[in-house]
Amino acid sequence: MHSEGTRTAALFSLSLPHFHNSKYDLQFTSNMLHNPTRKEVVNQSSNRKEFMKLNSYLNFNGQCEAAFKFYEKCLGGRIAATFPFEGTPIAKDVPADWQKKLMHATLDIGDQVLMGADAPPGRYQKPEGFSVSIGLNDVAQSERIFHALAEKGTVQMPIQETFWAARFGMLTDQFGIPWMINCEKEM
């Protein structure tokens, strides 16, 4: 839990007419519990606050624990939770040699969250059609993260200055996860 408590500051609101006849507003808030940038949906008829948060959830073929330890080191985060298949109601659905594999992992990186799991045998699909994108505003930090993630991986585009970014690079890490590192230019 973050020490900021429950203070909230609405940055702007957006009516969502396709949600129950305009009874909801989407508010972007800061200084909220756990994630200061989460989006909150307010049901105006009941004053109930709900939130919407977009996170990446990565699937692995048995390497989730190793990947999350690697990401913890590369990204400076903290593994907040891991749950092996063993001891859960779905343990019976995976083979004995898969019991210690992770059915869920959470990595906290500042106010961001990266989640993942080992797909059960026969259900893993190689990552395609997406990249995990990291946006930064520090050139040295963007280069450090890029090179750390690229260890034993494949670089598609070396990190370099582009017309839109102080630094930009693309890679696939040693676990098969595609990444884009983008460091914004000063305005």
N, C-alpha and C. Protein backbone atom coordinates (compact mmCIF):
# COMPACT_ATOMS: atom_id res chain seq x y z
N MET A 1 0.84 -1.16 0.00
CA MET A 1 0.00 0.00 0.00
C MET A 1 0.89 1.23 0.00
N HIS A 2 0.58 2.19 -0.80
CA HIS A 2 1.36 3.41 -0.85
C HIS A 2 0.95 4.34 0.29
N SER A 3 1.88 5.14 0.76
CA SER A 3 1.62 5.99 1.91
C SER A 3 0.77 7.21 1.59
N GLU A 4 0.51 7.45 0.32
CA GLU A 4 -0.27 8.64 -0.04
C GLU A 4 -1.70 8.57 0.49
N GLY A 5 -2.15 7.37 0.89
CA GLY A 5 -3.49 7.24 1.43
C GLY A 5 -4.55 7.30 0.35
N THR A 6 -5.67 7.91 0.70
CA THR A 6 -6.80 7.90 -0.20
C THR A 6 -7.06 9.24 -0.88
N ARG A 7 -6.12 10.18 -0.79
CA ARG A 7 -6.32 11.47 -1.45
C ARG A 7 -6.51 11.25 -2.94
N THR A 8 -7.44 11.96 -3.54
CA THR A 8 -7.62 11.87 -4.98
C THR A 8 -7.70 13.27 -5.56
N ALA A 9 -7.23 13.37 -6.79
CA ALA A 9 -7.30 14.64 -7.51
C ALA A 9 -7.71 14.35 -8.93
N ALA A 10 -8.93 14.72 -9.29
CA ALA A 10 -9.41 14.45 -10.64
C ALA A 10 -8.70 15.36 -11.63
N LEU A 11 -8.17 14.77 -12.68
CA LEU A 11 -7.51 15.55 -13.71
C LEU A 11 -8.51 15.97 -14.78
N PHE A 12 -9.39 15.05 -15.16
CA PHE A 12 -10.49 15.41 -16.05
C PHE A 12 -11.52 14.29 -16.05
N SER A 13 -12.71 14.58 -16.49
CA SER A 13 -13.78 13.60 -16.56
C SER A 13 -14.24 13.45 -18.00
N LEU A 14 -14.77 12.29 -18.30
CA LEU A 14 -15.26 12.00 -19.63
C LEU A 14 -16.54 11.20 -19.49
N SER A 15 -17.66 11.69 -20.02
CA SER A 15 -18.91 10.94 -19.96
C SER A 15 -18.82 9.73 -20.88
N LEU A 16 -19.36 8.63 -20.43
CA LEU A 16 -19.38 7.39 -21.20
C LEU A 16 -20.84 6.99 -21.44
N PRO A 17 -21.48 7.51 -22.49
CA PRO A 17 -22.89 7.24 -22.72
C PRO A 17 -23.20 5.78 -22.99
N HIS A 18 -22.23 4.99 -23.45
CA HIS A 18 -22.50 3.59 -23.72
C HIS A 18 -22.51 2.74 -22.45
N PHE A 19 -22.23 3.34 -21.27
CA PHE A 19 -22.32 2.64 -20.01
C PHE A 19 -23.60 3.06 -19.30
N HIS A 20 -24.61 2.25 -19.32
CA HIS A 20 -25.83 2.44 -18.56
C HIS A 20 -26.42 3.85 -18.69
N ASN A 21 -26.66 4.30 -19.87
CA ASN A 21 -27.32 5.58 -20.12
C ASN A 21 -26.66 6.77 -19.43
N SER A 22 -25.39 6.91 -19.60
CA SER A 22 -24.62 8.06 -19.10
C SER A 22 -24.57 8.15 -17.58
N LYS A 23 -24.70 7.04 -16.89
CA LYS A 23 -24.65 7.07 -15.43
C LYS A 23 -23.22 7.02 -14.90
N TYR A 24 -22.23 6.91 -15.78
CA TYR A 24 -20.85 6.77 -15.35
C TYR A 24 -20.00 7.90 -15.90
N ASP A 25 -19.05 8.33 -15.11
CA ASP A 25 -18.00 9.23 -15.55
C ASP A 25 -16.68 8.50 -15.40
N LEU A 26 -15.76 8.72 -16.33
CA LEU A 26 -14.42 8.18 -16.20
C LEU A 26 -13.53 9.31 -15.72
N GLN A 27 -12.94 9.14 -14.56
CA GLN A 27 -12.09 10.17 -13.99
C GLN A 27 -10.67 9.64 -13.88
N PHE A 28 -9.71 10.43 -14.33
CA PHE A 28 -8.32 10.08 -14.18
C PHE A 28 -7.86 10.72 -12.88
N THR A 29 -7.37 9.92 -11.96
CA THR A 29 -7.06 10.41 -10.63
C THR A 29 -5.60 10.18 -10.30
N SER A 30 -5.12 10.90 -9.31
CA SER A 30 -3.76 10.70 -8.82
C SER A 30 -3.78 10.56 -7.31
N ASN A 31 -2.67 10.11 -6.75
CA ASN A 31 -2.52 9.92 -5.31
C ASN A 31 -3.60 9.01 -4.73
N MET A 32 -3.90 7.93 -5.44
CA MET A 32 -4.90 6.99 -4.95
C MET A 32 -4.20 5.78 -4.36
N LEU A 33 -4.95 4.97 -3.65
CA LEU A 33 -4.38 3.76 -3.07
C LEU A 33 -3.75 2.90 -4.16
N HIS A 34 -2.59 2.38 -3.89
CA HIS A 34 -1.78 1.47 -4.70
C HIS A 34 -1.36 2.02 -6.06
N ASN A 35 -2.24 2.59 -6.85
CA ASN A 35 -1.82 3.07 -8.16
C ASN A 35 -2.31 4.49 -8.36
N PRO A 36 -1.44 5.47 -8.23
CA PRO A 36 -1.85 6.86 -8.32
C PRO A 36 -2.36 7.28 -9.70
N THR A 37 -2.21 6.46 -10.71
CA THR A 37 -2.67 6.86 -12.04
C THR A 37 -3.85 6.02 -12.52
N ARG A 38 -4.48 5.27 -11.64
CA ARG A 38 -5.58 4.43 -12.11
C ARG A 38 -6.78 5.29 -12.50
N LYS A 39 -7.61 4.74 -13.34
CA LYS A 39 -8.80 5.43 -13.82
C LYS A 39 -10.00 4.95 -13.02
N GLU A 40 -10.78 5.86 -12.56
CA GLU A 40 -11.90 5.52 -11.71
C GLU A 40 -13.22 5.78 -12.44
N VAL A 41 -14.13 4.82 -12.38
CA VAL A 41 -15.45 4.98 -12.96
C VAL A 41 -16.42 5.25 -11.82
N VAL A 42 -17.17 6.35 -11.91
CA VAL A 42 -18.11 6.73 -10.86
C VAL A 42 -19.52 6.51 -11.37
N ASN A 43 -20.26 5.63 -10.71
CA ASN A 43 -21.66 5.41 -11.01
C ASN A 43 -22.42 6.54 -10.33
N GLN A 44 -22.95 7.48 -11.13
CA GLN A 44 -23.58 8.67 -10.57
C GLN A 44 -24.88 8.37 -9.84
N SER A 45 -25.57 7.28 -10.18
CA SER A 45 -26.83 6.99 -9.50
C SER A 45 -26.60 6.39 -8.12
N SER A 46 -25.48 5.71 -7.89
CA SER A 46 -25.24 5.11 -6.58
C SER A 46 -24.03 5.69 -5.86
N ASN A 47 -23.30 6.59 -6.54
CA ASN A 47 -22.06 7.17 -6.00
C ASN A 47 -21.00 6.12 -5.70
N ARG A 48 -21.15 4.95 -6.28
CA ARG A 48 -20.16 3.89 -6.09
C ARG A 48 -18.98 4.16 -7.02
N LYS A 49 -17.76 4.12 -6.46
CA LYS A 49 -16.57 4.34 -7.26
C LYS A 49 -15.98 2.99 -7.65
N GLU A 50 -15.80 2.81 -8.91
CA GLU A 50 -15.15 1.64 -9.46
C GLU A 50 -13.93 2.14 -10.20
N PHE A 51 -12.97 1.28 -10.48
CA PHE A 51 -11.82 1.76 -11.23
C PHE A 51 -11.50 0.83 -12.38
N MET A 52 -10.86 1.38 -13.38
CA MET A 52 -10.40 0.64 -14.53
C MET A 52 -8.90 0.84 -14.63
N LYS A 53 -8.16 -0.25 -14.78
CA LYS A 53 -6.71 -0.18 -14.84
C LYS A 53 -6.25 -1.11 -15.95
N LEU A 54 -5.36 -0.64 -16.80
CA LEU A 54 -4.84 -1.43 -17.91
C LEU A 54 -3.44 -1.89 -17.56
N ASN A 55 -3.23 -3.22 -17.50
CA ASN A 55 -1.93 -3.81 -17.18
C ASN A 55 -1.58 -4.86 -18.21
N SER A 56 -0.29 -5.06 -18.41
CA SER A 56 0.17 -6.15 -19.26
C SER A 56 0.18 -7.43 -18.43
N TYR A 57 -0.29 -8.52 -19.05
CA TYR A 57 -0.28 -9.85 -18.41
C TYR A 57 0.42 -10.78 -19.38
N LEU A 58 1.60 -11.24 -19.02
CA LEU A 58 2.45 -12.02 -19.90
C LEU A 58 2.33 -13.51 -19.60
N ASN A 59 2.35 -14.32 -20.65
CA ASN A 59 2.32 -15.76 -20.49
C ASN A 59 3.67 -16.36 -20.86
N PHE A 60 4.07 -17.37 -20.10
CA PHE A 60 5.35 -18.02 -20.29
C PHE A 60 5.17 -19.52 -20.40
N ASN A 61 6.18 -20.17 -20.95
CA ASN A 61 6.17 -21.61 -21.12
C ASN A 61 7.04 -22.26 -20.05
N GLY A 62 6.72 -21.96 -18.78
CA GLY A 62 7.45 -22.55 -17.68
C GLY A 62 8.57 -21.68 -17.11
N GLN A 63 8.79 -20.48 -17.65
CA GLN A 63 9.88 -19.62 -17.19
C GLN A 63 9.40 -18.36 -16.47
N CYS A 64 8.18 -18.32 -16.02
CA CYS A 64 7.64 -17.10 -15.40
C CYS A 64 8.46 -16.65 -14.20
N GLU A 65 8.82 -17.57 -13.32
CA GLU A 65 9.59 -17.18 -12.13
C GLU A 65 10.93 -16.58 -12.52
N ALA A 66 11.64 -17.21 -13.43
CA ALA A 66 12.94 -16.70 -13.89
C ALA A 66 12.76 -15.35 -14.57
N ALA A 67 11.72 -15.22 -15.40
CA ALA A 67 11.47 -13.96 -16.11
C ALA A 67 11.19 -12.83 -15.12
N PHE A 68 10.37 -13.08 -14.13
CA PHE A 68 10.02 -12.02 -13.19
C PHE A 68 11.20 -11.63 -12.29
N LYS A 69 12.07 -12.57 -11.96
CA LYS A 69 13.29 -12.22 -11.23
C LYS A 69 14.19 -11.36 -12.11
N PHE A 70 14.25 -11.68 -13.40
CA PHE A 70 15.02 -10.89 -14.37
C PHE A 70 14.43 -9.49 -14.51
N TYR A 71 13.10 -9.39 -14.66
CA TYR A 71 12.45 -8.08 -14.79
C TYR A 71 12.61 -7.25 -13.51
N GLU A 72 12.56 -7.91 -12.37
CA GLU A 72 12.76 -7.20 -11.10
C GLU A 72 14.13 -6.52 -11.10
N LYS A 73 15.15 -7.24 -11.56
CA LYS A 73 16.51 -6.69 -11.62
C LYS A 73 16.61 -5.60 -12.69
N CYS A 74 16.08 -5.85 -13.88
CA CYS A 74 16.20 -4.89 -15.00
C CYS A 74 15.42 -3.61 -14.77
N LEU A 75 14.22 -3.73 -14.21
CA LEU A 75 13.30 -2.60 -14.11
C LEU A 75 13.30 -1.95 -12.73
N GLY A 76 14.02 -2.53 -11.79
CA GLY A 76 14.09 -1.94 -10.46
C GLY A 76 12.80 -2.09 -9.68
N GLY A 77 12.03 -3.12 -9.98
CA GLY A 77 10.76 -3.33 -9.29
C GLY A 77 10.91 -4.27 -8.11
N ARG A 78 9.76 -4.74 -7.65
CA ARG A 78 9.70 -5.66 -6.51
C ARG A 78 8.61 -6.69 -6.80
N ILE A 79 8.99 -7.96 -6.72
CA ILE A 79 7.98 -9.02 -6.89
C ILE A 79 7.07 -8.96 -5.67
N ALA A 80 5.81 -8.65 -5.92
CA ALA A 80 4.84 -8.48 -4.83
C ALA A 80 4.12 -9.77 -4.49
N ALA A 81 3.96 -10.66 -5.48
CA ALA A 81 3.22 -11.89 -5.24
C ALA A 81 3.58 -12.94 -6.28
N THR A 82 3.67 -14.19 -5.82
CA THR A 82 3.78 -15.34 -6.72
C THR A 82 2.90 -16.44 -6.16
N PHE A 83 2.23 -17.14 -7.05
CA PHE A 83 1.36 -18.24 -6.65
C PHE A 83 1.65 -19.44 -7.54
N PRO A 84 2.26 -20.50 -6.99
CA PRO A 84 2.48 -21.71 -7.79
C PRO A 84 1.15 -22.47 -7.94
N PHE A 85 1.11 -23.35 -8.93
CA PHE A 85 -0.09 -24.18 -9.12
C PHE A 85 -0.32 -25.07 -7.90
N GLU A 86 0.78 -25.56 -7.30
CA GLU A 86 0.71 -26.45 -6.15
C GLU A 86 -0.10 -25.83 -5.02
N GLY A 87 -1.02 -26.60 -4.47
CA GLY A 87 -1.81 -26.14 -3.34
C GLY A 87 -3.05 -25.36 -3.72
N THR A 88 -3.33 -25.22 -5.02
CA THR A 88 -4.52 -24.50 -5.46
C THR A 88 -5.55 -25.49 -5.98
N PRO A 89 -6.79 -25.07 -6.14
CA PRO A 89 -7.82 -25.96 -6.69
C PRO A 89 -7.51 -26.45 -8.11
N ILE A 90 -6.67 -25.74 -8.85
CA ILE A 90 -6.36 -26.18 -10.22
C ILE A 90 -5.09 -27.01 -10.30
N ALA A 91 -4.48 -27.32 -9.16
CA ALA A 91 -3.26 -28.15 -9.15
C ALA A 91 -3.50 -29.50 -9.81
N LYS A 92 -4.69 -30.02 -9.67
CA LYS A 92 -5.02 -31.33 -10.26
C LYS A 92 -5.05 -31.29 -11.79
N ASP A 93 -5.12 -30.09 -12.36
CA ASP A 93 -5.22 -29.93 -13.81
C ASP A 93 -3.86 -29.78 -14.51
N VAL A 94 -2.78 -29.75 -13.73
CA VAL A 94 -1.44 -29.65 -14.32
C VAL A 94 -0.60 -30.84 -13.87
N PRO A 95 0.36 -31.26 -14.71
CA PRO A 95 1.19 -32.42 -14.35
C PRO A 95 2.05 -32.17 -13.11
N ALA A 96 2.53 -33.24 -12.51
CA ALA A 96 3.34 -33.16 -11.29
C ALA A 96 4.57 -32.27 -11.47
N ASP A 97 5.20 -32.33 -12.64
CA ASP A 97 6.40 -31.52 -12.86
C ASP A 97 6.07 -30.04 -13.11
N TRP A 98 4.82 -29.68 -13.09
CA TRP A 98 4.37 -28.29 -13.32
C TRP A 98 3.86 -27.66 -12.03
N GLN A 99 3.79 -28.40 -10.94
CA GLN A 99 3.21 -27.91 -9.69
C GLN A 99 3.90 -26.67 -9.14
N LYS A 100 5.20 -26.58 -9.29
CA LYS A 100 5.95 -25.43 -8.76
C LYS A 100 5.97 -24.25 -9.74
N LYS A 101 5.48 -24.44 -10.95
CA LYS A 101 5.38 -23.34 -11.92
C LYS A 101 4.35 -22.34 -11.41
N LEU A 102 4.43 -21.10 -11.92
CA LEU A 102 3.58 -20.03 -11.39
C LEU A 102 2.28 -19.88 -12.16
N MET A 103 1.19 -19.95 -11.41
CA MET A 103 -0.11 -19.66 -12.02
C MET A 103 -0.38 -18.15 -12.01
N HIS A 104 0.42 -17.40 -11.23
CA HIS A 104 0.31 -15.94 -11.22
C HIS A 104 1.53 -15.33 -10.56
N ALA A 105 1.98 -14.19 -11.13
CA ALA A 105 3.06 -13.39 -10.54
C ALA A 105 2.73 -11.92 -10.74
N THR A 106 3.08 -11.10 -9.76
CA THR A 106 2.89 -9.66 -9.85
C THR A 106 4.20 -8.97 -9.52
N LEU A 107 4.60 -8.04 -10.39
CA LEU A 107 5.79 -7.23 -10.18
C LEU A 107 5.36 -5.78 -10.09
N ASP A 108 5.63 -5.15 -8.94
CA ASP A 108 5.36 -3.72 -8.76
C ASP A 108 6.59 -2.94 -9.20
N ILE A 109 6.38 -1.97 -10.08
CA ILE A 109 7.45 -1.10 -10.55
C ILE A 109 6.95 0.32 -10.36
N GLY A 110 7.34 0.93 -9.24
CA GLY A 110 6.78 2.24 -8.91
C GLY A 110 5.28 2.11 -8.73
N ASP A 111 4.51 2.90 -9.49
CA ASP A 111 3.06 2.81 -9.40
C ASP A 111 2.47 1.96 -10.54
N GLN A 112 3.33 1.21 -11.22
CA GLN A 112 2.89 0.35 -12.32
C GLN A 112 2.95 -1.11 -11.88
N VAL A 113 2.20 -1.96 -12.58
CA VAL A 113 2.15 -3.39 -12.26
C VAL A 113 2.33 -4.19 -13.54
N LEU A 114 3.20 -5.19 -13.48
CA LEU A 114 3.36 -6.15 -14.57
C LEU A 114 2.98 -7.50 -13.99
N MET A 115 2.13 -8.23 -14.70
CA MET A 115 1.67 -9.52 -14.21
C MET A 115 1.99 -10.60 -15.23
N GLY A 116 2.02 -11.84 -14.76
CA GLY A 116 2.30 -12.94 -15.67
C GLY A 116 2.00 -14.29 -15.04
N ALA A 117 2.14 -15.33 -15.87
CA ALA A 117 1.88 -16.70 -15.42
C ALA A 117 2.52 -17.68 -16.39
N ASP A 118 2.71 -18.90 -15.91
CA ASP A 118 3.09 -20.00 -16.78
C ASP A 118 1.81 -20.61 -17.33
N ALA A 119 1.67 -20.60 -18.64
CA ALA A 119 0.50 -21.22 -19.26
C ALA A 119 0.57 -22.73 -19.01
N PRO A 120 -0.54 -23.36 -18.70
CA PRO A 120 -0.50 -24.82 -18.51
C PRO A 120 0.05 -25.51 -19.77
N PRO A 121 0.67 -26.68 -19.59
CA PRO A 121 1.22 -27.40 -20.74
C PRO A 121 0.20 -27.56 -21.85
N GLY A 122 0.66 -27.31 -23.07
CA GLY A 122 -0.21 -27.42 -24.24
C GLY A 122 -1.03 -26.18 -24.53
N ARG A 123 -0.98 -25.17 -23.66
CA ARG A 123 -1.78 -23.96 -23.85
C ARG A 123 -0.94 -22.72 -24.15
N TYR A 124 0.38 -22.85 -24.08
CA TYR A 124 1.26 -21.71 -24.33
C TYR A 124 1.24 -21.34 -25.81
N GLN A 125 1.18 -20.04 -26.08
CA GLN A 125 1.30 -19.51 -27.43
C GLN A 125 2.39 -18.46 -27.43
N LYS A 126 3.27 -18.55 -28.41
CA LYS A 126 4.37 -17.59 -28.53
C LYS A 126 3.80 -16.17 -28.65
N PRO A 127 4.38 -15.22 -27.92
CA PRO A 127 3.89 -13.83 -28.00
C PRO A 127 4.02 -13.27 -29.42
N GLU A 128 2.94 -12.71 -29.92
CA GLU A 128 2.93 -12.09 -31.25
C GLU A 128 1.95 -10.92 -31.26
N GLY A 129 2.27 -9.92 -32.06
CA GLY A 129 1.33 -8.83 -32.30
C GLY A 129 1.24 -7.78 -31.22
N PHE A 130 2.21 -7.74 -30.31
CA PHE A 130 2.22 -6.71 -29.27
C PHE A 130 3.64 -6.49 -28.81
N SER A 131 3.86 -5.41 -28.09
CA SER A 131 5.11 -5.15 -27.38
C SER A 131 4.76 -4.51 -26.05
N VAL A 132 5.54 -4.82 -25.04
CA VAL A 132 5.42 -4.10 -23.78
C VAL A 132 6.21 -2.82 -23.98
N SER A 133 5.56 -1.69 -23.82
CA SER A 133 6.20 -0.40 -24.07
C SER A 133 6.52 0.30 -22.76
N ILE A 134 7.76 0.75 -22.65
CA ILE A 134 8.19 1.51 -21.48
C ILE A 134 8.49 2.93 -21.92
N GLY A 135 7.82 3.90 -21.33
CA GLY A 135 8.04 5.31 -21.62
C GLY A 135 8.85 5.95 -20.51
N LEU A 136 9.91 6.63 -20.88
CA LEU A 136 10.79 7.26 -19.92
C LEU A 136 11.09 8.69 -20.35
N ASN A 137 11.70 9.46 -19.44
CA ASN A 137 12.15 10.80 -19.81
C ASN A 137 13.63 11.02 -19.45
N ASP A 138 14.35 9.92 -19.18
CA ASP A 138 15.76 9.98 -18.83
C ASP A 138 16.55 9.10 -19.78
N VAL A 139 17.45 9.70 -20.56
CA VAL A 139 18.21 8.97 -21.58
C VAL A 139 19.05 7.85 -20.96
N ALA A 140 19.78 8.15 -19.89
CA ALA A 140 20.64 7.14 -19.27
C ALA A 140 19.83 5.96 -18.76
N GLN A 141 18.69 6.24 -18.14
CA GLN A 141 17.81 5.18 -17.63
C GLN A 141 17.24 4.35 -18.77
N SER A 142 16.84 4.99 -19.87
CA SER A 142 16.29 4.25 -21.00
C SER A 142 17.35 3.33 -21.61
N GLU A 143 18.58 3.81 -21.72
CA GLU A 143 19.67 2.98 -22.26
C GLU A 143 19.99 1.82 -21.32
N ARG A 144 20.01 2.08 -20.01
CA ARG A 144 20.29 1.02 -19.03
C ARG A 144 19.24 -0.08 -19.10
N ILE A 145 17.96 0.31 -19.12
CA ILE A 145 16.88 -0.67 -19.16
C ILE A 145 16.92 -1.45 -20.48
N PHE A 146 17.14 -0.75 -21.59
CA PHE A 146 17.20 -1.42 -22.89
C PHE A 146 18.28 -2.50 -22.88
N HIS A 147 19.49 -2.13 -22.48
CA HIS A 147 20.61 -3.08 -22.51
C HIS A 147 20.41 -4.22 -21.52
N ALA A 148 19.80 -3.94 -20.37
CA ALA A 148 19.53 -5.00 -19.40
C ALA A 148 18.52 -6.00 -19.95
N LEU A 149 17.42 -5.50 -20.54
CA LEU A 149 16.42 -6.40 -21.11
C LEU A 149 16.94 -7.17 -22.32
N ALA A 150 17.89 -6.58 -23.04
CA ALA A 150 18.43 -7.21 -24.26
C ALA A 150 19.40 -8.36 -23.95
N GLU A 151 19.84 -8.49 -22.69
CA GLU A 151 20.77 -9.56 -22.33
C GLU A 151 20.23 -10.92 -22.75
N LYS A 152 20.95 -11.62 -23.59
CA LYS A 152 20.58 -12.94 -24.12
C LYS A 152 19.32 -12.90 -24.98
N GLY A 153 18.89 -11.70 -25.36
CA GLY A 153 17.71 -11.54 -26.21
C GLY A 153 18.11 -11.18 -27.62
N THR A 154 17.15 -10.66 -28.39
CA THR A 154 17.37 -10.26 -29.77
C THR A 154 16.96 -8.81 -29.95
N VAL A 155 17.87 -7.98 -30.45
CA VAL A 155 17.59 -6.58 -30.68
C VAL A 155 17.04 -6.41 -32.09
N GLN A 156 15.83 -5.86 -32.22
CA GLN A 156 15.25 -5.56 -33.53
C GLN A 156 15.69 -4.18 -34.01
N MET A 157 15.77 -3.23 -33.07
CA MET A 157 16.22 -1.87 -33.40
C MET A 157 17.06 -1.38 -32.23
N PRO A 158 18.37 -1.15 -32.46
CA PRO A 158 19.21 -0.65 -31.36
C PRO A 158 18.66 0.66 -30.81
N ILE A 159 18.88 0.88 -29.53
CA ILE A 159 18.39 2.11 -28.93
C ILE A 159 19.18 3.29 -29.50
N GLN A 160 18.44 4.30 -29.95
CA GLN A 160 19.06 5.43 -30.64
C GLN A 160 18.09 6.61 -30.67
N GLU A 161 18.61 7.76 -31.05
CA GLU A 161 17.76 8.94 -31.21
C GLU A 161 16.95 8.77 -32.49
N THR A 162 15.70 9.20 -32.43
CA THR A 162 14.82 9.20 -33.61
C THR A 162 14.21 10.59 -33.74
N PHE A 163 13.43 10.79 -34.78
CA PHE A 163 12.81 12.11 -34.94
C PHE A 163 11.77 12.40 -33.87
N TRP A 164 11.22 11.36 -33.22
CA TRP A 164 10.21 11.58 -32.18
C TRP A 164 10.74 11.36 -30.76
N ALA A 165 11.90 10.73 -30.61
CA ALA A 165 12.35 10.36 -29.28
C ALA A 165 13.83 10.65 -29.07
N ALA A 166 14.18 10.97 -27.83
CA ALA A 166 15.59 11.11 -27.48
C ALA A 166 16.29 9.76 -27.61
N ARG A 167 15.55 8.68 -27.28
CA ARG A 167 16.02 7.31 -27.48
C ARG A 167 14.81 6.42 -27.74
N PHE A 168 14.99 5.49 -28.65
CA PHE A 168 13.96 4.48 -28.93
C PHE A 168 14.67 3.21 -29.36
N GLY A 169 14.19 2.09 -28.88
CA GLY A 169 14.74 0.80 -29.29
C GLY A 169 13.71 -0.30 -29.11
N MET A 170 13.89 -1.39 -29.87
CA MET A 170 12.99 -2.53 -29.81
C MET A 170 13.80 -3.81 -29.65
N LEU A 171 13.30 -4.71 -28.82
CA LEU A 171 13.99 -5.97 -28.59
C LEU A 171 12.99 -7.05 -28.18
N THR A 172 13.43 -8.28 -28.29
CA THR A 172 12.71 -9.41 -27.72
C THR A 172 13.64 -10.00 -26.68
N ASP A 173 13.16 -10.13 -25.45
CA ASP A 173 14.04 -10.59 -24.38
C ASP A 173 14.27 -12.10 -24.45
N GLN A 174 15.11 -12.61 -23.57
CA GLN A 174 15.47 -14.02 -23.56
C GLN A 174 14.30 -14.95 -23.28
N PHE A 175 13.16 -14.40 -22.83
CA PHE A 175 11.97 -15.19 -22.56
C PHE A 175 10.94 -15.09 -23.68
N GLY A 176 11.30 -14.39 -24.76
CA GLY A 176 10.41 -14.26 -25.91
C GLY A 176 9.44 -13.11 -25.85
N ILE A 177 9.58 -12.21 -24.89
CA ILE A 177 8.66 -11.08 -24.73
C ILE A 177 9.21 -9.88 -25.50
N PRO A 178 8.39 -9.29 -26.39
CA PRO A 178 8.82 -8.11 -27.14
C PRO A 178 8.66 -6.82 -26.32
N TRP A 179 9.66 -5.95 -26.41
CA TRP A 179 9.69 -4.69 -25.66
C TRP A 179 10.00 -3.53 -26.59
N MET A 180 9.46 -2.36 -26.27
CA MET A 180 9.83 -1.09 -26.89
C MET A 180 10.20 -0.13 -25.77
N ILE A 181 11.35 0.51 -25.91
CA ILE A 181 11.78 1.51 -24.92
C ILE A 181 11.74 2.86 -25.63
N ASN A 182 11.01 3.80 -25.08
CA ASN A 182 10.85 5.11 -25.69
C ASN A 182 11.17 6.18 -24.65
N CYS A 183 12.17 7.01 -24.95
CA CYS A 183 12.54 8.12 -24.07
C CYS A 183 12.16 9.41 -24.78
N GLU A 184 11.21 10.13 -24.21
CA GLU A 184 10.71 11.33 -24.89
C GLU A 184 11.75 12.41 -24.98
N LYS A 185 11.62 13.22 -26.04
CA LYS A 185 12.50 14.38 -26.19
C LYS A 185 11.99 15.52 -25.33
N GLU A 186 12.90 16.36 -24.89
CA GLU A 186 12.50 17.54 -24.13
C GLU A 186 11.76 18.48 -25.06
N MET A 187 10.73 19.09 -24.57
CA MET A 187 9.95 20.03 -25.38
C MET A 187 10.48 21.42 -25.25
